[in-house]
Amino acid sequence: MTVTKAQLVEDLFGKNVFTKVHSAQIIDTLFELIKRSLENGEDILISGFGKFSVKEKSQRQGRNPQTGEPIDLPQRRVVTFRCSGPLRAKMNAERD
């Protein structure tokens, strides 16, 4: 199941602490802060959840999967996520 931004707003609103409009503003602000930090190359550490990091990928040689021809893939930045230990333990405890 995919969790959407609208579902996050509904869940926050469902806690009966904020109005729906205020809940939407909080979620939007949170995502804007996360995006801005990642754009600046900064890591995001959310205790008990995990860490988002920006990694640099070097230029490299790739291959067109349809034709098999070699192509140059440009240098780029990617976001990686590393799950926290407590969250990983909770995810794996459900399987036991």
PDB file of N, CA and C in Angstrom:
ATOM      1  N   MET A   1       0.838  -1.179   0.000  1.00  0.00           N
ATOM      2  CA  MET A   1       0.000   0.000   0.000  1.00  0.00           C
ATOM      3  C   MET A   1       0.883   1.242   0.000  1.00  0.00           C
ATOM      4  N   THR A   2       0.507   2.220  -0.775  1.00  0.00           N
ATOM      5  CA  THR A   2       1.214   3.488  -0.843  1.00  0.00           C
ATOM      6  C   THR A   2       0.516   4.498   0.052  1.00  0.00           C
ATOM      7  N   VAL A   3       1.294   5.231   0.826  1.00  0.00           N
ATOM      8  CA  VAL A   3       0.742   6.288   1.673  1.00  0.00           C
ATOM      9  C   VAL A   3       0.894   7.600   0.920  1.00  0.00           C
ATOM     10  N   THR A   4      -0.207   8.308   0.730  1.00  0.00           N
ATOM     11  CA  THR A   4      -0.183   9.575   0.018  1.00  0.00           C
ATOM     12  C   THR A   4      -0.123  10.739   0.990  1.00  0.00           C
ATOM     13  N   LYS A   5       0.195  11.899   0.452  1.00  0.00           N
ATOM     14  CA  LYS A   5       0.225  13.100   1.272  1.00  0.00           C
ATOM     15  C   LYS A   5      -1.160  13.385   1.838  1.00  0.00           C
ATOM     16  N   ALA A   6      -2.194  13.154   1.053  1.00  0.00           N
ATOM     17  CA  ALA A   6      -3.570  13.364   1.518  1.00  0.00           C
ATOM     18  C   ALA A   6      -3.892  12.446   2.700  1.00  0.00           C
ATOM     19  N   GLN A   7      -3.393  11.214   2.666  1.00  0.00           N
ATOM     20  CA  GLN A   7      -3.619  10.294   3.781  1.00  0.00           C
ATOM     21  C   GLN A   7      -2.891  10.759   5.037  1.00  0.00           C
ATOM     22  N   LEU A   8      -1.701  11.314   4.867  1.00  0.00           N
ATOM     23  CA  LEU A   8      -0.977  11.851   6.017  1.00  0.00           C
ATOM     24  C   LEU A   8      -1.750  13.013   6.641  1.00  0.00           C
ATOM     25  N   VAL A   9      -2.306  13.876   5.805  1.00  0.00           N
ATOM     26  CA  VAL A   9      -3.115  15.002   6.300  1.00  0.00           C
ATOM     27  C   VAL A   9      -4.326  14.470   7.051  1.00  0.00           C
ATOM     28  N   GLU A  10      -5.006  13.488   6.489  1.00  0.00           N
ATOM     29  CA  GLU A  10      -6.181  12.902   7.134  1.00  0.00           C
ATOM     30  C   GLU A  10      -5.831  12.270   8.480  1.00  0.00           C
ATOM     31  N   ASP A  11      -4.706  11.570   8.526  1.00  0.00           N
ATOM     32  CA  ASP A  11      -4.280  10.932   9.784  1.00  0.00           C
ATOM     33  C   ASP A  11      -3.953  11.968  10.850  1.00  0.00           C
ATOM     34  N   LEU A  12      -3.279  13.041  10.455  1.00  0.00           N
ATOM     35  CA  LEU A  12      -2.961  14.106  11.398  1.00  0.00           C
ATOM     36  C   LEU A  12      -4.232  14.807  11.866  1.00  0.00           C
ATOM     37  N   PHE A  13      -5.146  15.053  10.937  1.00  0.00           N
ATOM     38  CA  PHE A  13      -6.428  15.666  11.271  1.00  0.00           C
ATOM     39  C   PHE A  13      -7.238  14.749  12.190  1.00  0.00           C
ATOM     40  N   GLY A  14      -7.135  13.447  11.972  1.00  0.00           N
ATOM     41  CA  GLY A  14      -7.863  12.463  12.768  1.00  0.00           C
ATOM     42  C   GLY A  14      -7.426  12.410  14.224  1.00  0.00           C
ATOM     43  N   LYS A  15      -6.276  12.951  14.543  1.00  0.00           N
ATOM     44  CA  LYS A  15      -5.812  12.991  15.933  1.00  0.00           C
ATOM     45  C   LYS A  15      -6.543  14.072  16.735  1.00  0.00           C
ATOM     46  N   ASN A  16      -7.389  14.853  16.064  1.00  0.00           N
ATOM     47  CA  ASN A  16      -8.205  15.900  16.695  1.00  0.00           C
ATOM     48  C   ASN A  16      -7.381  16.975  17.396  1.00  0.00           C
ATOM     49  N   VAL A  17      -6.198  17.251  16.836  1.00  0.00           N
ATOM     50  CA  VAL A  17      -5.355  18.297  17.409  1.00  0.00           C
ATOM     51  C   VAL A  17      -5.378  19.538  16.521  1.00  0.00           C
ATOM     52  N   PHE A  18      -5.367  19.327  15.200  1.00  0.00           N
ATOM     53  CA  PHE A  18      -5.316  20.418  14.241  1.00  0.00           C
ATOM     54  C   PHE A  18      -6.514  20.354  13.298  1.00  0.00           C
ATOM     55  N   THR A  19      -6.845  21.506  12.700  1.00  0.00           N
ATOM     56  CA  THR A  19      -7.865  21.525  11.653  1.00  0.00           C
ATOM     57  C   THR A  19      -7.281  20.860  10.411  1.00  0.00           C
ATOM     58  N   LYS A  20      -8.127  20.545   9.445  1.00  0.00           N
ATOM     59  CA  LYS A  20      -7.655  19.907   8.220  1.00  0.00           C
ATOM     60  C   LYS A  20      -6.722  20.855   7.454  1.00  0.00           C
ATOM     61  N   VAL A  21      -7.059  22.133   7.417  1.00  0.00           N
ATOM     62  CA  VAL A  21      -6.214  23.114   6.718  1.00  0.00           C
ATOM     63  C   VAL A  21      -4.863  23.230   7.409  1.00  0.00           C
ATOM     64  N   HIS A  22      -4.875  23.312   8.726  1.00  0.00           N
ATOM     65  CA  HIS A  22      -3.629  23.406   9.480  1.00  0.00           C
ATOM     66  C   HIS A  22      -2.810  22.122   9.320  1.00  0.00           C
ATOM     67  N   SER A  23      -3.454  20.982   9.302  1.00  0.00           N
ATOM     68  CA  SER A  23      -2.765  19.706   9.091  1.00  0.00           C
ATOM     69  C   SER A  23      -2.071  19.683   7.733  1.00  0.00           C
ATOM     70  N   ALA A  24      -2.764  20.167   6.701  1.00  0.00           N
ATOM     71  CA  ALA A  24      -2.185  20.211   5.356  1.00  0.00           C
ATOM     72  C   ALA A  24      -0.987  21.152   5.319  1.00  0.00           C
ATOM     73  N   GLN A  25      -1.074  22.282   6.012  1.00  0.00           N
ATOM     74  CA  GLN A  25       0.040  23.230   6.056  1.00  0.00           C
ATOM     75  C   GLN A  25       1.247  22.613   6.754  1.00  0.00           C
ATOM     76  N   ILE A  26       1.015  21.873   7.819  1.00  0.00           N
ATOM     77  CA  ILE A  26       2.111  21.226   8.549  1.00  0.00           C
ATOM     78  C   ILE A  26       2.813  20.207   7.653  1.00  0.00           C
ATOM     79  N   ILE A  27       2.046  19.365   6.991  1.00  0.00           N
ATOM     80  CA  ILE A  27       2.635  18.341   6.111  1.00  0.00           C
ATOM     81  C   ILE A  27       3.387  19.001   4.967  1.00  0.00           C
ATOM     82  N   ASP A  28       2.795  20.028   4.341  1.00  0.00           N
ATOM     83  CA  ASP A  28       3.470  20.738   3.246  1.00  0.00           C
ATOM     84  C   ASP A  28       4.769  21.376   3.716  1.00  0.00           C
ATOM     85  N   THR A  29       4.751  22.003   4.887  1.00  0.00           N
ATOM     86  CA  THR A  29       5.943  22.636   5.430  1.00  0.00           C
ATOM     87  C   THR A  29       7.024  21.604   5.724  1.00  0.00           C
ATOM     88  N   LEU A  30       6.642  20.482   6.289  1.00  0.00           N
ATOM     89  CA  LEU A  30       7.599  19.415   6.577  1.00  0.00           C
ATOM     90  C   LEU A  30       8.288  18.946   5.302  1.00  0.00           C
ATOM     91  N   PHE A  31       7.497  18.688   4.257  1.00  0.00           N
ATOM     92  CA  PHE A  31       8.090  18.214   3.011  1.00  0.00           C
ATOM     93  C   PHE A  31       8.943  19.281   2.343  1.00  0.00           C
ATOM     94  N   GLU A  32       8.557  20.536   2.441  1.00  0.00           N
ATOM     95  CA  GLU A  32       9.361  21.622   1.878  1.00  0.00           C
ATOM     96  C   GLU A  32      10.712  21.712   2.578  1.00  0.00           C
ATOM     97  N   LEU A  33      10.716  21.578   3.910  1.00  0.00           N
ATOM     98  CA  LEU A  33      11.974  21.606   4.658  1.00  0.00           C
ATOM     99  C   LEU A  33      12.867  20.435   4.272  1.00  0.00           C
ATOM    100  N   ILE A  34      12.285  19.264   4.111  1.00  0.00           N
ATOM    101  CA  ILE A  34      13.052  18.081   3.712  1.00  0.00           C
ATOM    102  C   ILE A  34      13.622  18.277   2.305  1.00  0.00           C
ATOM    103  N   LYS A  35      12.780  18.738   1.375  1.00  0.00           N
ATOM    104  CA  LYS A  35      13.245  18.949   0.000  1.00  0.00           C
ATOM    105  C   LYS A  35      14.365  19.975  -0.060  1.00  0.00           C
ATOM    106  N   ARG A  36      14.214  21.071   0.649  1.00  0.00           N
ATOM    107  CA  ARG A  36      15.225  22.134   0.634  1.00  0.00           C
ATOM    108  C   ARG A  36      16.559  21.617   1.173  1.00  0.00           C
ATOM    109  N   SER A  37      16.505  20.849   2.251  1.00  0.00           N
ATOM    110  CA  SER A  37      17.736  20.300   2.822  1.00  0.00           C
ATOM    111  C   SER A  37      18.415  19.342   1.851  1.00  0.00           C
ATOM    112  N   LEU A  38      17.649  18.468   1.219  1.00  0.00           N
ATOM    113  CA  LEU A  38      18.224  17.518   0.269  1.00  0.00           C
ATOM    114  C   LEU A  38      18.788  18.231  -0.952  1.00  0.00           C
ATOM    115  N   GLU A  39      18.099  19.275  -1.434  1.00  0.00           N
ATOM    116  CA  GLU A  39      18.595  20.044  -2.570  1.00  0.00           C
ATOM    117  C   GLU A  39      19.942  20.682  -2.250  1.00  0.00           C
ATOM    118  N   ASN A  40      20.137  21.059  -0.987  1.00  0.00           N
ATOM    119  CA  ASN A  40      21.392  21.669  -0.545  1.00  0.00           C
ATOM    120  C   ASN A  40      22.458  20.627  -0.208  1.00  0.00           C
ATOM    121  N   GLY A  41      22.147  19.356  -0.406  1.00  0.00           N
ATOM    122  CA  GLY A  41      23.100  18.289  -0.149  1.00  0.00           C
ATOM    123  C   GLY A  41      23.212  17.898   1.311  1.00  0.00           C
ATOM    124  N   GLU A  42      22.275  18.331   2.143  1.00  0.00           N
ATOM    125  CA  GLU A  42      22.305  18.024   3.569  1.00  0.00           C
ATOM    126  C   GLU A  42      21.575  16.722   3.850  1.00  0.00           C
ATOM    127  N   ASP A  43      22.051  15.986   4.846  1.00  0.00           N
ATOM    128  CA  ASP A  43      21.384  14.757   5.276  1.00  0.00           C
ATOM    129  C   ASP A  43      20.228  15.109   6.193  1.00  0.00           C
ATOM    130  N   ILE A  44      19.215  14.244   6.224  1.00  0.00           N
ATOM    131  CA  ILE A  44      18.068  14.388   7.112  1.00  0.00           C
ATOM    132  C   ILE A  44      18.052  13.163   8.024  1.00  0.00           C
ATOM    133  N   LEU A  45      18.162  13.385   9.323  1.00  0.00           N
ATOM    134  CA  LEU A  45      18.118  12.292  10.292  1.00  0.00           C
ATOM    135  C   LEU A  45      16.858  12.454  11.128  1.00  0.00           C
ATOM    136  N   ILE A  46      15.972  11.480  11.044  1.00  0.00           N
ATOM    137  CA  ILE A  46      14.741  11.470  11.835  1.00  0.00           C
ATOM    138  C   ILE A  46      14.883  10.326  12.830  1.00  0.00           C
ATOM    139  N   SER A  47      15.098  10.686  14.084  1.00  0.00           N
ATOM    140  CA  SER A  47      15.363   9.705  15.131  1.00  0.00           C
ATOM    141  C   SER A  47      14.229   8.683  15.210  1.00  0.00           C
ATOM    142  N   GLY A  48      14.591   7.419  15.247  1.00  0.00           N
ATOM    143  CA  GLY A  48      13.615   6.345  15.329  1.00  0.00           C
ATOM    144  C   GLY A  48      12.995   5.968  13.997  1.00  0.00           C
ATOM    145  N   PHE A  49      13.348   6.701  12.923  1.00  0.00           N
ATOM    146  CA  PHE A  49      12.793   6.423  11.600  1.00  0.00           C
ATOM    147  C   PHE A  49      13.895   6.062  10.622  1.00  0.00           C
ATOM    148  N   GLY A  50      14.858   6.988  10.415  1.00  0.00           N
ATOM    149  CA  GLY A  50      15.943   6.700   9.501  1.00  0.00           C
ATOM    150  C   GLY A  50      16.641   7.944   9.030  1.00  0.00           C
ATOM    151  N   LYS A  51      17.525   7.759   8.062  1.00  0.00           N
ATOM    152  CA  LYS A  51      18.341   8.856   7.560  1.00  0.00           C
ATOM    153  C   LYS A  51      18.267   8.912   6.041  1.00  0.00           C
ATOM    154  N   PHE A  52      17.962  10.109   5.521  1.00  0.00           N
ATOM    155  CA  PHE A  52      17.999  10.378   4.091  1.00  0.00           C
ATOM    156  C   PHE A  52      19.333  11.048   3.797  1.00  0.00           C
ATOM    157  N   SER A  53      20.062  10.538   2.816  1.00  0.00           N
ATOM    158  CA  SER A  53      21.366  11.092   2.459  1.00  0.00           C
ATOM    159  C   SER A  53      21.420  11.361   0.968  1.00  0.00           C
ATOM    160  N   VAL A  54      22.188  12.384   0.589  1.00  0.00           N
ATOM    161  CA  VAL A  54      22.421  12.696  -0.820  1.00  0.00           C
ATOM    162  C   VAL A  54      23.774  12.109  -1.192  1.00  0.00           C
ATOM    163  N   LYS A  55      23.790  11.281  -2.215  1.00  0.00           N
ATOM    164  CA  LYS A  55      25.028  10.654  -2.685  1.00  0.00           C
ATOM    165  C   LYS A  55      25.332  11.144  -4.098  1.00  0.00           C
ATOM    166  N   GLU A  56      26.617  11.314  -4.375  1.00  0.00           N
ATOM    167  CA  GLU A  56      27.064  11.714  -5.707  1.00  0.00           C
ATOM    168  C   GLU A  56      27.367  10.466  -6.529  1.00  0.00           C
ATOM    169  N   LYS A  57      26.790  10.403  -7.707  1.00  0.00           N
ATOM    170  CA  LYS A  57      27.085   9.312  -8.642  1.00  0.00           C
ATOM    171  C   LYS A  57      27.987   9.869  -9.739  1.00  0.00           C
ATOM    172  N   SER A  58      29.086   9.215  -9.996  1.00  0.00           N
ATOM    173  CA  SER A  58      30.019   9.652 -11.034  1.00  0.00           C
ATOM    174  C   SER A  58      29.453   9.355 -12.411  1.00  0.00           C
ATOM    175  N   GLN A  59      30.005  10.055 -13.401  1.00  0.00           N
ATOM    176  CA  GLN A  59      29.649   9.739 -14.782  1.00  0.00           C
ATOM    177  C   GLN A  59      30.119   8.324 -15.064  1.00  0.00           C
ATOM    178  N   ARG A  60      29.324   7.579 -15.836  1.00  0.00           N
ATOM    179  CA  ARG A  60      29.714   6.199 -16.105  1.00  0.00           C
ATOM    180  C   ARG A  60      29.175   5.755 -17.459  1.00  0.00           C
ATOM    181  N   GLN A  61      29.676   4.647 -17.901  1.00  0.00           N
ATOM    182  CA  GLN A  61      29.248   4.057 -19.159  1.00  0.00           C
ATOM    183  C   GLN A  61      28.059   3.148 -18.876  1.00  0.00           C
ATOM    184  N   GLY A  62      26.993   3.293 -19.662  1.00  0.00           N
ATOM    185  CA  GLY A  62      25.820   2.440 -19.532  1.00  0.00           C
ATOM    186  C   GLY A  62      25.515   1.774 -20.860  1.00  0.00           C
ATOM    187  N   ARG A  63      24.358   1.132 -20.926  1.00  0.00           N
ATOM    188  CA  ARG A  63      23.984   0.450 -22.155  1.00  0.00           C
ATOM    189  C   ARG A  63      22.490   0.644 -22.386  1.00  0.00           C
ATOM    190  N   ASN A  64      22.127   0.991 -23.603  1.00  0.00           N
ATOM    191  CA  ASN A  64      20.730   1.117 -23.971  1.00  0.00           C
ATOM    192  C   ASN A  64      20.128  -0.289 -23.972  1.00  0.00           C
ATOM    193  N   PRO A  65      19.112  -0.547 -23.114  1.00  0.00           N
ATOM    194  CA  PRO A  65      18.584  -1.917 -23.022  1.00  0.00           C
ATOM    195  C   PRO A  65      17.863  -2.392 -24.290  1.00  0.00           C
ATOM    196  N   GLN A  66      17.381  -1.464 -25.105  1.00  0.00           N
ATOM    197  CA  GLN A  66      16.666  -1.871 -26.318  1.00  0.00           C
ATOM    198  C   GLN A  66      17.617  -2.210 -27.459  1.00  0.00           C
ATOM    199  N   THR A  67      18.680  -1.385 -27.604  1.00  0.00           N
ATOM    200  CA  THR A  67      19.577  -1.584 -28.736  1.00  0.00           C
ATOM    201  C   THR A  67      20.908  -2.214 -28.347  1.00  0.00           C
ATOM    202  N   GLY A  68      21.263  -2.159 -27.067  1.00  0.00           N
ATOM    203  CA  GLY A  68      22.540  -2.691 -26.615  1.00  0.00           C
ATOM    204  C   GLY A  68      23.697  -1.741 -26.837  1.00  0.00           C
ATOM    205  N   GLU A  69      23.418  -0.553 -27.412  1.00  0.00           N
ATOM    206  CA  GLU A  69      24.491   0.412 -27.676  1.00  0.00           C
ATOM    207  C   GLU A  69      24.968   1.050 -26.376  1.00  0.00           C
ATOM    208  N   PRO A  70      26.273   1.288 -26.270  1.00  0.00           N
ATOM    209  CA  PRO A  70      26.787   1.962 -25.072  1.00  0.00           C
ATOM    210  C   PRO A  70      26.386   3.440 -25.070  1.00  0.00           C
ATOM    211  N   ILE A  71      26.089   3.957 -23.884  1.00  0.00           N
ATOM    212  CA  ILE A  71      25.752   5.371 -23.737  1.00  0.00           C
ATOM    213  C   ILE A  71      26.462   5.909 -22.497  1.00  0.00           C
ATOM    214  N   ASP A  72      26.719   7.203 -22.506  1.00  0.00           N
ATOM    215  CA  ASP A  72      27.323   7.852 -21.350  1.00  0.00           C
ATOM    216  C   ASP A  72      26.228   8.335 -20.426  1.00  0.00           C
ATOM    217  N   LEU A  73      26.271   7.925 -19.161  1.00  0.00           N
ATOM    218  CA  LEU A  73      25.321   8.388 -18.160  1.00  0.00           C
ATOM    219  C   LEU A  73      25.993   9.530 -17.394  1.00  0.00           C
ATOM    220  N   PRO A  74      25.344  10.681 -17.321  1.00  0.00           N
ATOM    221  CA  PRO A  74      25.983  11.848 -16.700  1.00  0.00           C
ATOM    222  C   PRO A  74      26.100  11.711 -15.181  1.00  0.00           C
ATOM    223  N   GLN A  75      26.962  12.544 -14.616  1.00  0.00           N
ATOM    224  CA  GLN A  75      27.090  12.623 -13.167  1.00  0.00           C
ATOM    225  C   GLN A  75      25.762  13.113 -12.601  1.00  0.00           C
ATOM    226  N   ARG A  76      25.377  12.594 -11.431  1.00  0.00           N
ATOM    227  CA  ARG A  76      24.102  13.000 -10.839  1.00  0.00           C
ATOM    228  C   ARG A  76      24.130  12.786  -9.339  1.00  0.00           C
ATOM    229  N   ARG A  77      23.128  13.353  -8.679  1.00  0.00           N
ATOM    230  CA  ARG A  77      22.968  13.162  -7.244  1.00  0.00           C
ATOM    231  C   ARG A  77      21.701  12.344  -7.018  1.00  0.00           C
ATOM    232  N   VAL A  78      21.761  11.410  -6.071  1.00  0.00           N
ATOM    233  CA  VAL A  78      20.607  10.573  -5.751  1.00  0.00           C
ATOM    234  C   VAL A  78      20.371  10.608  -4.241  1.00  0.00           C
ATOM    235  N   VAL A  79      19.143  10.366  -3.845  1.00  0.00           N
ATOM    236  CA  VAL A  79      18.792  10.311  -2.430  1.00  0.00           C
ATOM    237  C   VAL A  79      18.708   8.843  -2.026  1.00  0.00           C
ATOM    238  N   THR A  80      19.369   8.522  -0.916  1.00  0.00           N
ATOM    239  CA  THR A  80      19.288   7.174  -0.362  1.00  0.00           C
ATOM    240  C   THR A  80      18.647   7.247   1.016  1.00  0.00           C
ATOM    241  N   PHE A  81      18.073   6.139   1.440  1.00  0.00           N
ATOM    242  CA  PHE A  81      17.445   6.075   2.761  1.00  0.00           C
ATOM    243  C   PHE A  81      18.001   4.880   3.501  1.00  0.00           C
ATOM    244  N   ARG A  82      18.365   5.116   4.754  1.00  0.00           N
ATOM    245  CA  ARG A  82      18.814   4.019   5.614  1.00  0.00           C
ATOM    246  C   ARG A  82      17.896   3.981   6.829  1.00  0.00           C
ATOM    247  N   CYS A  83      17.240   2.879   6.995  1.00  0.00           N
ATOM    248  CA  CYS A  83      16.278   2.668   8.068  1.00  0.00           C
ATOM    249  C   CYS A  83      16.976   2.626   9.422  1.00  0.00           C
ATOM    250  N   SER A  84      16.317   3.170  10.463  1.00  0.00           N
ATOM    251  CA  SER A  84      16.890   3.111  11.810  1.00  0.00           C
ATOM    252  C   SER A  84      16.772   1.689  12.359  1.00  0.00           C
ATOM    253  N   GLY A  85      17.596   1.391  13.346  1.00  0.00           N
ATOM    254  CA  GLY A  85      17.564   0.075  13.978  1.00  0.00           C
ATOM    255  C   GLY A  85      16.218  -0.260  14.598  1.00  0.00           C
ATOM    256  N   PRO A  86      15.621   0.671  15.389  1.00  0.00           N
ATOM    257  CA  PRO A  86      14.316   0.364  15.990  1.00  0.00           C
ATOM    258  C   PRO A  86      13.211   0.110  14.947  1.00  0.00           C
ATOM    259  N   LEU A  87      13.215   0.877  13.864  1.00  0.00           N
ATOM    260  CA  LEU A  87      12.198   0.659  12.828  1.00  0.00           C
ATOM    261  C   LEU A  87      12.425  -0.677  12.133  1.00  0.00           C
ATOM    262  N   ARG A  88      13.684  -1.000  11.849  1.00  0.00           N
ATOM    263  CA  ARG A  88      13.998  -2.285  11.213  1.00  0.00           C
ATOM    264  C   ARG A  88      13.550  -3.436  12.108  1.00  0.00           C
ATOM    265  N   ALA A  89      13.764  -3.307  13.409  1.00  0.00           N
ATOM    266  CA  ALA A  89      13.363  -4.352  14.344  1.00  0.00           C
ATOM    267  C   ALA A  89      11.843  -4.520  14.349  1.00  0.00           C
ATOM    268  N   LYS A  90      11.101  -3.412  14.317  1.00  0.00           N
ATOM    269  CA  LYS A  90       9.641  -3.491  14.288  1.00  0.00           C
ATOM    270  C   LYS A  90       9.146  -4.118  12.999  1.00  0.00           C
ATOM    271  N   MET A  91       9.770  -3.772  11.871  1.00  0.00           N
ATOM    272  CA  MET A  91       9.353  -4.347  10.587  1.00  0.00           C
ATOM    273  C   MET A  91       9.584  -5.838  10.562  1.00  0.00           C
ATOM    274  N   ASN A  92      10.705  -6.288  11.093  1.00  0.00           N
ATOM    275  CA  ASN A  92      11.037  -7.708  11.070  1.00  0.00           C
ATOM    276  C   ASN A  92      10.307  -8.491  12.159  1.00  0.00           C
ATOM    277  N   ALA A  93       9.882  -7.835  13.239  1.00  0.00           N
ATOM    278  CA  ALA A  93       9.145  -8.504  14.308  1.00  0.00           C
ATOM    279  C   ALA A  93       7.771  -8.949  13.837  1.00  0.00           C
ATOM    280  N   GLU A  94       7.193  -8.231  12.879  1.00  0.00           N
ATOM    281  CA  GLU A  94       5.862  -8.586  12.354  1.00  0.00           C
ATOM    282  C   GLU A  94       5.896  -9.908  11.605  1.00  0.00           C
ATOM    283  N   ARG A  95       7.035 -10.277  11.067  1.00  0.00           N
ATOM    284  CA  ARG A  95       7.157 -11.520  10.295  1.00  0.00           C
ATOM    285  C   ARG A  95       7.284 -12.719  11.208  1.00  0.00           C
ATOM    286  N   ASP A  96       7.797 -12.529  12.403  1.00  0.00           N
ATOM    287  CA  ASP A  96       8.030 -13.638  13.329  1.00  0.00           C
ATOM    288  C   ASP A  96       6.757 -14.195  13.885  1.00  0.00           C
TER     289      ASP A  96
END
